[in-house]
Amino acid sequence: GSGGFRKRKHDNFPHGQRREEKENVNPPSALMTSFKSFQLELDTRHDKYERLVKLSRDITIESKRTIFLLHRFTSAPNGEEILSESEVKLNAVRQKIKQVAHELIGEDMYQFHRAISPGLQEYIEAVSFQYFIKTRSLISVEEINKQLIFTAEDREETTNMTSNSRDKQPHKWSLKVTPVDYLLGVADLTGELMRLCISSVGNGDIDTPFELSQFLRQIYDGFTFIGNTGPYEVSKKLYTLKQSLAKVENACYTLKVRGSEIPKHMLADVFSTKTELIDQEEGIP
């Protein structure tokens, strides 16, 4: 009818038939063969990236669960059981990291770094939190990397491969944490130490806040040496680190000045209220 769309002659033919006719007329050239190989390579790389993103999510979830478990250390009657259970959980996280390391064999890690970085940061936060509870010190990046060396004897296979392809794999492989991921994980650790300070006071532990205040001050001083010269993500974390330090120092100030006036069972409530006021003043949601 008038005003309607005019039907093209070749619309009556199925699309698949037209495609086959074109391929028969124009046989695949060397250029098309090259592009198909590029497509296969890009699809393989994209699939690997998606697998790494999923593994990173799993690492993040299990690391967070380990951190939640470690926060029970101050209130648990037997802290050694909490540490033993956290070690089991961290070993399970390392098995996930082992799969990541296996996926990156023969690859440039920095091409997939954005896929695995969130999970590695959360793992560093968890393992450094456990290390601090054990030793009252900060774990080094070298110590973290030593725990991420895997051998073929650990026969929890990371991918569904044939026996022939397994023989081609190296007997030892590792995943090295980058300095930026380490710094970001340590920056996140300060928030967990601030929560540990508040929970310790609630349980009647008066010495831990002062110890944590000194430890956080040393970390903050170290980050200030980097300042704005480091990566953007590190400088962005510096503000949060400063807030965690301010909350711990405020807790120590309250203990020193008014500790004898406030009953121990009310100290945690007082600190929680003061923390909320500081957040409102600084505009933190």
C-alpha atoms as a PDB file:
ATOM      1  CA  GLY A   1       0.000   0.000   0.000  1.00  0.00           C
ATOM      2  CA  SER A   2       0.937   3.635  -0.184  1.00  0.00           C
ATOM      3  CA  GLY A   3       3.437   4.692   2.457  1.00  0.00           C
ATOM      4  CA  GLY A   4       4.458   1.094   3.179  1.00  0.00           C
ATOM      5  CA  PHE A   5       7.950  -0.402   2.961  1.00  0.00           C
ATOM      6  CA  ARG A   6       9.010  -1.800  -0.364  1.00  0.00           C
ATOM      7  CA  LYS A   7      10.128  -5.398  -0.145  1.00  0.00           C
ATOM      8  CA  ARG A   8      13.508  -6.149  -1.623  1.00  0.00           C
ATOM      9  CA  LYS A   9      13.747  -8.971  -4.113  1.00  0.00           C
ATOM     10  CA  HIS A  10      16.218 -11.059  -2.104  1.00  0.00           C
ATOM     11  CA  ASP A  11      14.148 -10.899   1.105  1.00  0.00           C
ATOM     12  CA  ASN A  12      12.359 -14.065   0.027  1.00  0.00           C
ATOM     13  CA  PHE A  13      15.584 -16.060   0.330  1.00  0.00           C
ATOM     14  CA  PRO A  14      16.718 -17.398   3.732  1.00  0.00           C
ATOM     15  CA  HIS A  15      19.747 -15.644   5.214  1.00  0.00           C
ATOM     16  CA  GLY A  16      21.677 -18.889   5.532  1.00  0.00           C
ATOM     17  CA  GLN A  17      21.205 -19.644   1.841  1.00  0.00           C
ATOM     18  CA  ARG A  18      22.479 -16.204   0.831  1.00  0.00           C
ATOM     19  CA  ARG A  19      25.516 -16.654   3.087  1.00  0.00           C
ATOM     20  CA  GLU A  20      26.330 -20.041   1.552  1.00  0.00           C
ATOM     21  CA  GLU A  21      26.017 -18.621  -1.957  1.00  0.00           C
ATOM     22  CA  LYS A  22      28.426 -15.807  -1.056  1.00  0.00           C
ATOM     23  CA  GLU A  23      30.950 -18.263   0.366  1.00  0.00           C
ATOM     24  CA  ASN A  24      30.715 -20.377  -2.777  1.00  0.00           C
ATOM     25  CA  VAL A  25      31.248 -17.339  -4.991  1.00  0.00           C
ATOM     26  CA  ASN A  26      34.099 -15.949  -2.856  1.00  0.00           C
ATOM     27  CA  PRO A  27      36.272 -18.786  -1.527  1.00  0.00           C
ATOM     28  CA  PRO A  28      38.148 -18.000   1.734  1.00  0.00           C
ATOM     29  CA  SER A  29      41.183 -15.905   1.028  1.00  0.00           C
ATOM     30  CA  ALA A  30      44.390 -15.682   3.038  1.00  0.00           C
ATOM     31  CA  LEU A  31      43.094 -12.495   4.657  1.00  0.00           C
ATOM     32  CA  MET A  32      39.859 -14.154   5.802  1.00  0.00           C
ATOM     33  CA  THR A  33      41.821 -17.133   7.131  1.00  0.00           C
ATOM     34  CA  SER A  34      43.990 -14.756   9.157  1.00  0.00           C
ATOM     35  CA  PHE A  35      40.967 -12.971  10.583  1.00  0.00           C
ATOM     36  CA  LYS A  36      39.384 -16.278  11.582  1.00  0.00           C
ATOM     37  CA  SER A  37      42.549 -17.214  13.456  1.00  0.00           C
ATOM     38  CA  PHE A  38      42.473 -13.810  15.157  1.00  0.00           C
ATOM     39  CA  GLN A  39      38.848 -14.411  16.110  1.00  0.00           C
ATOM     40  CA  LEU A  40      39.720 -17.777  17.635  1.00  0.00           C
ATOM     41  CA  GLU A  41      42.606 -16.252  19.592  1.00  0.00           C
ATOM     42  CA  LEU A  42      40.457 -13.401  20.905  1.00  0.00           C
ATOM     43  CA  ASP A  43      37.618 -15.757  21.872  1.00  0.00           C
ATOM     44  CA  THR A  44      40.081 -17.975  23.750  1.00  0.00           C
ATOM     45  CA  ARG A  45      41.537 -14.973  25.584  1.00  0.00           C
ATOM     46  CA  HIS A  46      38.074 -13.640  26.418  1.00  0.00           C
ATOM     47  CA  ASP A  47      36.989 -17.023  27.810  1.00  0.00           C
ATOM     48  CA  LYS A  48      40.113 -17.159  29.974  1.00  0.00           C
ATOM     49  CA  TYR A  49      39.441 -13.621  31.223  1.00  0.00           C
ATOM     50  CA  GLU A  50      35.903 -14.614  32.233  1.00  0.00           C
ATOM     51  CA  ARG A  51      37.174 -17.694  34.079  1.00  0.00           C
ATOM     52  CA  LEU A  52      39.667 -15.516  35.968  1.00  0.00           C
ATOM     53  CA  VAL A  53      36.936 -13.034  36.910  1.00  0.00           C
ATOM     54  CA  LYS A  54      34.858 -15.862  38.356  1.00  0.00           C
ATOM     55  CA  LEU A  55      37.840 -17.239  40.293  1.00  0.00           C
ATOM     56  CA  SER A  56      38.572 -13.740  41.606  1.00  0.00           C
ATOM     57  CA  ARG A  57      35.000 -13.488  42.909  1.00  0.00           C
ATOM     58  CA  ASP A  58      35.352 -16.841  44.680  1.00  0.00           C
ATOM     59  CA  ILE A  59      38.654 -15.735  46.229  1.00  0.00           C
ATOM     60  CA  THR A  60      37.049 -12.498  47.425  1.00  0.00           C
ATOM     61  CA  ILE A  61      34.096 -14.286  49.026  1.00  0.00           C
ATOM     62  CA  GLU A  62      36.211 -16.886  50.840  1.00  0.00           C
ATOM     63  CA  SER A  63      38.698 -14.254  52.008  1.00  0.00           C
ATOM     64  CA  LYS A  64      35.881 -12.133  53.455  1.00  0.00           C
ATOM     65  CA  ARG A  65      34.566 -15.166  55.327  1.00  0.00           C
ATOM     66  CA  THR A  66      38.038 -15.705  56.772  1.00  0.00           C
ATOM     67  CA  ILE A  67      38.159 -12.077  57.936  1.00  0.00           C
ATOM     68  CA  PHE A  68      34.736 -12.398  59.606  1.00  0.00           C
ATOM     69  CA  LEU A  69      35.973 -15.529  61.346  1.00  0.00           C
ATOM     70  CA  LEU A  70      39.136 -13.803  62.603  1.00  0.00           C
ATOM     71  CA  HIS A  71      37.078 -11.013  64.158  1.00  0.00           C
ATOM     72  CA  ARG A  72      35.741 -13.620  66.594  1.00  0.00           C
ATOM     73  CA  PHE A  73      39.274 -14.096  67.937  1.00  0.00           C
ATOM     74  CA  THR A  74      38.904 -11.460  70.667  1.00  0.00           C
ATOM     75  CA  SER A  75      35.639 -12.890  72.013  1.00  0.00           C
ATOM     76  CA  ALA A  76      36.240 -16.629  71.486  1.00  0.00           C
ATOM     77  CA  PRO A  77      37.165 -18.648  74.596  1.00  0.00           C
ATOM     78  CA  ASN A  78      39.837 -20.511  72.630  1.00  0.00           C
ATOM     79  CA  GLY A  79      41.576 -18.310  70.093  1.00  0.00           C
ATOM     80  CA  GLU A  80      43.781 -21.125  68.799  1.00  0.00           C
ATOM     81  CA  GLU A  81      40.743 -22.885  67.340  1.00  0.00           C
ATOM     82  CA  ILE A  82      39.826 -19.716  65.448  1.00  0.00           C
ATOM     83  CA  LEU A  83      43.358 -19.454  64.040  1.00  0.00           C
ATOM     84  CA  SER A  84      43.367 -23.129  63.026  1.00  0.00           C
ATOM     85  CA  GLU A  85      40.017 -22.773  61.291  1.00  0.00           C
ATOM     86  CA  SER A  86      41.184 -19.610  59.527  1.00  0.00           C
ATOM     87  CA  GLU A  87      44.268 -21.454  58.262  1.00  0.00           C
ATOM     88  CA  VAL A  88      42.032 -24.137  56.749  1.00  0.00           C
ATOM     89  CA  LYS A  89      39.980 -21.459  55.017  1.00  0.00           C
ATOM     90  CA  LEU A  90      43.091 -19.686  53.714  1.00  0.00           C
ATOM     91  CA  ASN A  91      44.412 -22.964  52.331  1.00  0.00           C
ATOM     92  CA  ALA A  92      41.142 -23.337  50.430  1.00  0.00           C
ATOM     93  CA  VAL A  93      41.615 -19.808  49.082  1.00  0.00           C
ATOM     94  CA  ARG A  94      45.141 -20.716  47.956  1.00  0.00           C
ATOM     95  CA  GLN A  95      43.694 -23.605  45.981  1.00  0.00           C
ATOM     96  CA  LYS A  96      41.601 -21.060  44.094  1.00  0.00           C
ATOM     97  CA  ILE A  97      44.713 -18.919  43.566  1.00  0.00           C
ATOM     98  CA  LYS A  98      46.440 -22.048  42.311  1.00  0.00           C
ATOM     99  CA  GLN A  99      43.803 -22.292  39.590  1.00  0.00           C
ATOM    100  CA  VAL A 100      44.470 -18.660  38.703  1.00  0.00           C
ATOM    101  CA  ALA A 101      48.214 -19.334  38.512  1.00  0.00           C
ATOM    102  CA  HIS A 102      47.567 -22.356  36.314  1.00  0.00           C
ATOM    103  CA  GLU A 103      45.452 -20.276  33.936  1.00  0.00           C
ATOM    104  CA  LEU A 104      48.305 -17.746  33.648  1.00  0.00           C
ATOM    105  CA  ILE A 105      51.021 -20.252  32.729  1.00  0.00           C
ATOM    106  CA  GLY A 106      52.683 -18.922  29.583  1.00  0.00           C
ATOM    107  CA  GLU A 107      50.639 -15.703  29.707  1.00  0.00           C
ATOM    108  CA  ASP A 108      51.525 -12.121  30.534  1.00  0.00           C
ATOM    109  CA  MET A 109      49.880 -11.650  33.936  1.00  0.00           C
ATOM    110  CA  TYR A 110      49.409  -7.916  33.421  1.00  0.00           C
ATOM    111  CA  GLN A 111      47.056  -8.547  30.498  1.00  0.00           C
ATOM    112  CA  PHE A 112      44.686 -10.243  32.976  1.00  0.00           C
ATOM    113  CA  HIS A 113      45.592  -8.206  36.032  1.00  0.00           C
ATOM    114  CA  ARG A 114      42.298  -6.313  36.261  1.00  0.00           C
ATOM    115  CA  ALA A 115      40.417  -9.612  36.368  1.00  0.00           C
ATOM    116  CA  ILE A 116      42.336 -11.031  39.355  1.00  0.00           C
ATOM    117  CA  SER A 117      43.341  -7.884  41.276  1.00  0.00           C
ATOM    118  CA  PRO A 118      40.193  -7.588  43.498  1.00  0.00           C
ATOM    119  CA  GLY A 119      40.514 -11.176  44.689  1.00  0.00           C
ATOM    120  CA  LEU A 120      44.239 -10.857  45.384  1.00  0.00           C
ATOM    121  CA  GLN A 121      43.703  -7.673  47.393  1.00  0.00           C
ATOM    122  CA  GLU A 122      41.078  -9.374  49.543  1.00  0.00           C
ATOM    123  CA  TYR A 123      43.359 -12.387  50.072  1.00  0.00           C
ATOM    124  CA  ILE A 124      46.230 -10.100  51.123  1.00  0.00           C
ATOM    125  CA  GLU A 125      43.890  -8.386  53.561  1.00  0.00           C
ATOM    126  CA  ALA A 126      42.843 -11.732  55.065  1.00  0.00           C
ATOM    127  CA  VAL A 127      46.310 -13.275  55.302  1.00  0.00           C
ATOM    128  CA  SER A 128      47.857 -10.080  56.723  1.00  0.00           C
ATOM    129  CA  PHE A 129      45.047  -9.845  59.291  1.00  0.00           C
ATOM    130  CA  GLN A 130      45.734 -13.402  60.435  1.00  0.00           C
ATOM    131  CA  TYR A 131      49.487 -12.714  60.502  1.00  0.00           C
ATOM    132  CA  PHE A 132      48.993  -9.625  62.656  1.00  0.00           C
ATOM    133  CA  ILE A 133      46.846 -11.513  65.163  1.00  0.00           C
ATOM    134  CA  LYS A 134      49.567 -14.155  65.425  1.00  0.00           C
ATOM    135  CA  THR A 135      52.698 -11.990  65.471  1.00  0.00           C
ATOM    136  CA  ARG A 136      51.551  -8.375  65.995  1.00  0.00           C
ATOM    137  CA  SER A 137      53.518  -7.389  62.891  1.00  0.00           C
ATOM    138  CA  LEU A 138      52.965  -6.842  59.170  1.00  0.00           C
ATOM    139  CA  ILE A 139      53.523  -9.669  56.721  1.00  0.00           C
ATOM    140  CA  SER A 140      55.900  -8.872  53.858  1.00  0.00           C
ATOM    141  CA  VAL A 141      55.142  -9.281  50.185  1.00  0.00           C
ATOM    142  CA  GLU A 142      57.959 -11.831  49.956  1.00  0.00           C
ATOM    143  CA  GLU A 143      56.312 -13.979  52.619  1.00  0.00           C
ATOM    144  CA  ILE A 144      52.986 -13.807  50.774  1.00  0.00           C
ATOM    145  CA  ASN A 145      54.626 -14.846  47.507  1.00  0.00           C
ATOM    146  CA  LYS A 146      56.298 -17.812  49.210  1.00  0.00           C
ATOM    147  CA  GLN A 147      52.854 -19.148  50.086  1.00  0.00           C
ATOM    148  CA  LEU A 148      51.771 -18.882  46.444  1.00  0.00           C
ATOM    149  CA  ILE A 149      54.256 -21.365  44.987  1.00  0.00           C
ATOM    150  CA  PHE A 150      52.465 -24.507  43.841  1.00  0.00           C
ATOM    151  CA  THR A 151      53.737 -27.904  42.775  1.00  0.00           C
ATOM    152  CA  ALA A 152      52.286 -30.728  40.720  1.00  0.00           C
ATOM    153  CA  GLU A 153      52.137 -32.946  43.808  1.00  0.00           C
ATOM    154  CA  ASP A 154      49.024 -31.046  44.902  1.00  0.00           C
ATOM    155  CA  ARG A 155      46.775 -33.139  42.712  1.00  0.00           C
ATOM    156  CA  GLU A 156      43.636 -31.064  42.950  1.00  0.00           C
ATOM    157  CA  GLU A 157      43.631 -30.364  39.244  1.00  0.00           C
ATOM    158  CA  THR A 158      42.766 -26.849  38.291  1.00  0.00           C
ATOM    159  CA  THR A 159      41.199 -27.460  34.894  1.00  0.00           C
ATOM    160  CA  ASN A 160      39.584 -30.302  32.993  1.00  0.00           C
ATOM    161  CA  MET A 161      42.522 -31.424  30.885  1.00  0.00           C
ATOM    162  CA  THR A 162      43.537 -34.692  29.326  1.00  0.00           C
ATOM    163  CA  SER A 163      46.421 -36.690  30.728  1.00  0.00           C
ATOM    164  CA  ASN A 164      48.561 -35.831  27.705  1.00  0.00           C
ATOM    165  CA  SER A 165      48.120 -32.096  28.256  1.00  0.00           C
ATOM    166  CA  ARG A 166      48.938 -32.500  31.949  1.00  0.00           C
ATOM    167  CA  ASP A 167      52.313 -33.968  31.090  1.00  0.00           C
ATOM    168  CA  LYS A 168      53.167 -30.782  29.228  1.00  0.00           C
ATOM    169  CA  GLN A 169      52.534 -28.585  32.267  1.00  0.00           C
ATOM    170  CA  PRO A 170      55.463 -27.496  34.482  1.00  0.00           C
ATOM    171  CA  HIS A 171      55.896 -29.295  37.800  1.00  0.00           C
ATOM    172  CA  LYS A 172      56.062 -26.010  39.710  1.00  0.00           C
ATOM    173  CA  TRP A 173      54.361 -22.691  39.094  1.00  0.00           C
ATOM    174  CA  SER A 174      53.607 -19.602  41.134  1.00  0.00           C
ATOM    175  CA  LEU A 175      51.657 -16.358  41.229  1.00  0.00           C
ATOM    176  CA  LYS A 176      53.495 -13.229  42.315  1.00  0.00           C
ATOM    177  CA  VAL A 177      51.552 -10.493  44.054  1.00  0.00           C
ATOM    178  CA  THR A 178      52.313  -7.089  42.556  1.00  0.00           C
ATOM    179  CA  PRO A 179      53.499  -4.271  44.846  1.00  0.00           C
ATOM    180  CA  VAL A 180      50.332  -2.276  44.067  1.00  0.00           C
ATOM    181  CA  ASP A 181      48.044  -5.150  45.085  1.00  0.00           C
ATOM    182  CA  TYR A 182      50.070  -5.573  48.270  1.00  0.00           C
ATOM    183  CA  LEU A 183      49.753  -1.883  49.167  1.00  0.00           C
ATOM    184  CA  LEU A 184      46.020  -1.866  48.472  1.00  0.00           C
ATOM    185  CA  GLY A 185      45.523  -4.991  50.582  1.00  0.00           C
ATOM    186  CA  VAL A 186      47.465  -3.471  53.489  1.00  0.00           C
ATOM    187  CA  ALA A 187      45.420  -0.275  53.193  1.00  0.00           C
ATOM    188  CA  ASP A 188      42.230  -2.329  53.521  1.00  0.00           C
ATOM    189  CA  LEU A 189      43.760  -4.142  56.487  1.00  0.00           C
ATOM    190  CA  THR A 190      43.714  -0.907  58.488  1.00  0.00           C
ATOM    191  CA  GLY A 191      39.913  -0.897  58.442  1.00  0.00           C
ATOM    192  CA  GLU A 192      39.832  -4.401  59.936  1.00  0.00           C
ATOM    193  CA  LEU A 193      42.338  -3.363  62.609  1.00  0.00           C
ATOM    194  CA  MET A 194      40.105  -0.418  63.506  1.00  0.00           C
ATOM    195  CA  ARG A 195      37.163  -2.822  63.994  1.00  0.00           C
ATOM    196  CA  LEU A 196      39.443  -5.122  66.012  1.00  0.00           C
ATOM    197  CA  CYS A 197      40.267  -2.171  68.260  1.00  0.00           C
ATOM    198  CA  ILE A 198      36.590  -1.417  68.994  1.00  0.00           C
ATOM    199  CA  SER A 199      35.714  -5.082  69.613  1.00  0.00           C
ATOM    200  CA  SER A 200      38.747  -5.506  71.893  1.00  0.00           C
ATOM    201  CA  VAL A 201      37.628  -2.608  74.071  1.00  0.00           C
ATOM    202  CA  GLY A 202      34.134  -4.094  74.240  1.00  0.00           C
ATOM    203  CA  ASN A 203      35.676  -7.289  75.610  1.00  0.00           C
ATOM    204  CA  GLY A 204      37.603  -5.400  78.269  1.00  0.00           C
ATOM    205  CA  ASP A 205      40.989  -5.438  76.512  1.00  0.00           C
ATOM    206  CA  ILE A 206      42.501  -2.025  77.250  1.00  0.00           C
ATOM    207  CA  ASP A 207      46.039  -2.676  75.918  1.00  0.00           C
ATOM    208  CA  THR A 208      45.209  -3.666  72.323  1.00  0.00           C
ATOM    209  CA  PRO A 209      43.916  -0.210  71.219  1.00  0.00           C
ATOM    210  CA  PHE A 210      47.199   1.478  72.150  1.00  0.00           C
ATOM    211  CA  GLU A 211      49.160  -1.250  70.379  1.00  0.00           C
ATOM    212  CA  LEU A 212      46.991  -0.901  67.297  1.00  0.00           C
ATOM    213  CA  SER A 213      47.310   2.879  67.358  1.00  0.00           C
ATOM    214  CA  GLN A 214      51.088   2.679  67.218  1.00  0.00           C
ATOM    215  CA  PHE A 215      50.978   0.022  64.480  1.00  0.00           C
ATOM    216  CA  LEU A 216      48.529   2.014  62.331  1.00  0.00           C
ATOM    217  CA  ARG A 217      50.606   5.151  62.778  1.00  0.00           C
ATOM    218  CA  GLN A 218      53.637   3.314  61.354  1.00  0.00           C
ATOM    219  CA  ILE A 219      51.601   2.112  58.360  1.00  0.00           C
ATOM    220  CA  TYR A 220      50.260   5.614  57.772  1.00  0.00           C
ATOM    221  CA  ASP A 221      53.758   7.086  57.924  1.00  0.00           C
ATOM    222  CA  GLY A 222      54.869   4.534  55.336  1.00  0.00           C
ATOM    223  CA  PHE A 223      52.026   5.459  53.001  1.00  0.00           C
ATOM    224  CA  THR A 224      52.751   9.171  53.340  1.00  0.00           C
ATOM    225  CA  PHE A 225      56.245   8.540  51.942  1.00  0.00           C
ATOM    226  CA  ILE A 226      54.535   7.310  48.759  1.00  0.00           C
ATOM    227  CA  GLY A 227      52.048  10.186  48.695  1.00  0.00           C
ATOM    228  CA  ASN A 228      50.758  11.209  45.293  1.00  0.00           C
ATOM    229  CA  THR A 229      53.747   9.724  43.490  1.00  0.00           C
ATOM    230  CA  GLY A 230      52.282   6.227  43.622  1.00  0.00           C
ATOM    231  CA  PRO A 231      49.379   4.732  41.662  1.00  0.00           C
ATOM    232  CA  TYR A 232      46.024   6.486  41.809  1.00  0.00           C
ATOM    233  CA  GLU A 233      44.366   3.637  43.705  1.00  0.00           C
ATOM    234  CA  VAL A 234      46.965   3.842  46.492  1.00  0.00           C
ATOM    235  CA  SER A 235      46.553   7.592  47.007  1.00  0.00           C
ATOM    236  CA  LYS A 236      42.769   7.110  47.077  1.00  0.00           C
ATOM    237  CA  LYS A 237      43.077   4.535  49.883  1.00  0.00           C
ATOM    238  CA  LEU A 238      45.179   6.946  51.936  1.00  0.00           C
ATOM    239  CA  TYR A 239      42.092   8.921  52.988  1.00  0.00           C
ATOM    240  CA  THR A 240      40.336   5.810  54.327  1.00  0.00           C
ATOM    241  CA  LEU A 241      43.518   4.783  56.129  1.00  0.00           C
ATOM    242  CA  LYS A 242      43.683   8.189  57.789  1.00  0.00           C
ATOM    243  CA  GLN A 243      40.082   7.841  58.990  1.00  0.00           C
ATOM    244  CA  SER A 244      40.784   4.410  60.501  1.00  0.00           C
ATOM    245  CA  LEU A 245      43.800   5.805  62.326  1.00  0.00           C
ATOM    246  CA  ALA A 246      41.751   8.755  63.629  1.00  0.00           C
ATOM    247  CA  LYS A 247      39.095   6.414  65.042  1.00  0.00           C
ATOM    248  CA  VAL A 248      41.674   4.263  66.824  1.00  0.00           C
ATOM    249  CA  GLU A 249      43.450   7.316  68.244  1.00  0.00           C
ATOM    250  CA  ASN A 250      40.093   8.682  69.395  1.00  0.00           C
ATOM    251  CA  ALA A 251      39.451   5.385  71.192  1.00  0.00           C
ATOM    252  CA  CYS A 252      42.856   5.601  72.880  1.00  0.00           C
ATOM    253  CA  TYR A 253      42.182   9.205  73.896  1.00  0.00           C
ATOM    254  CA  THR A 254      38.855   8.222  75.471  1.00  0.00           C
ATOM    255  CA  LEU A 255      40.498   5.355  77.334  1.00  0.00           C
ATOM    256  CA  LYS A 256      43.308   7.544  78.611  1.00  0.00           C
ATOM    257  CA  VAL A 257      41.167  10.487  79.701  1.00  0.00           C
ATOM    258  CA  ARG A 258      37.826   8.919  80.641  1.00  0.00           C
ATOM    259  CA  GLY A 259      38.659   5.239  80.942  1.00  0.00           C
ATOM    260  CA  SER A 260      38.176   5.182  84.694  1.00  0.00           C
ATOM    261  CA  GLU A 261      34.807   6.952  84.471  1.00  0.00           C
ATOM    262  CA  ILE A 262      33.130   4.680  81.902  1.00  0.00           C
ATOM    263  CA  PRO A 263      32.260   1.069  82.842  1.00  0.00           C
ATOM    264  CA  LYS A 264      33.993  -1.502  80.648  1.00  0.00           C
ATOM    265  CA  HIS A 265      30.744  -2.925  79.294  1.00  0.00           C
ATOM    266  CA  MET A 266      29.801   0.560  77.996  1.00  0.00           C
ATOM    267  CA  LEU A 267      33.092   1.455  76.350  1.00  0.00           C
ATOM    268  CA  ALA A 268      32.236  -0.232  73.039  1.00  0.00           C
ATOM    269  CA  ASP A 269      28.946   1.700  72.824  1.00  0.00           C
ATOM    270  CA  VAL A 270      30.729   4.985  73.503  1.00  0.00           C
ATOM    271  CA  PHE A 271      33.309   4.282  70.786  1.00  0.00           C
ATOM    272  CA  SER A 272      30.632   3.229  68.301  1.00  0.00           C
ATOM    273  CA  THR A 273      28.778   6.493  68.881  1.00  0.00           C
ATOM    274  CA  LYS A 274      31.944   8.544  68.487  1.00  0.00           C
ATOM    275  CA  THR A 275      32.818   6.643  65.294  1.00  0.00           C
ATOM    276  CA  GLU A 276      29.416   7.459  63.808  1.00  0.00           C
ATOM    277  CA  LEU A 277      29.873  11.136  64.680  1.00  0.00           C
ATOM    278  CA  ILE A 278      33.287  11.223  63.018  1.00  0.00           C
ATOM    279  CA  ASP A 279      31.842   9.599  59.890  1.00  0.00           C
ATOM    280  CA  GLN A 280      29.050  12.175  59.729  1.00  0.00           C
ATOM    281  CA  GLU A 281      31.481  15.038  60.108  1.00  0.00           C
ATOM    282  CA  GLU A 282      33.700  13.669  57.351  1.00  0.00           C
ATOM    283  CA  GLY A 283      30.713  12.935  55.085  1.00  0.00           C
ATOM    284  CA  ILE A 284      31.214   9.169  55.074  1.00  0.00           C
ATOM    285  CA  PRO A 285      27.911   7.328  54.374  1.00  0.00           C
END
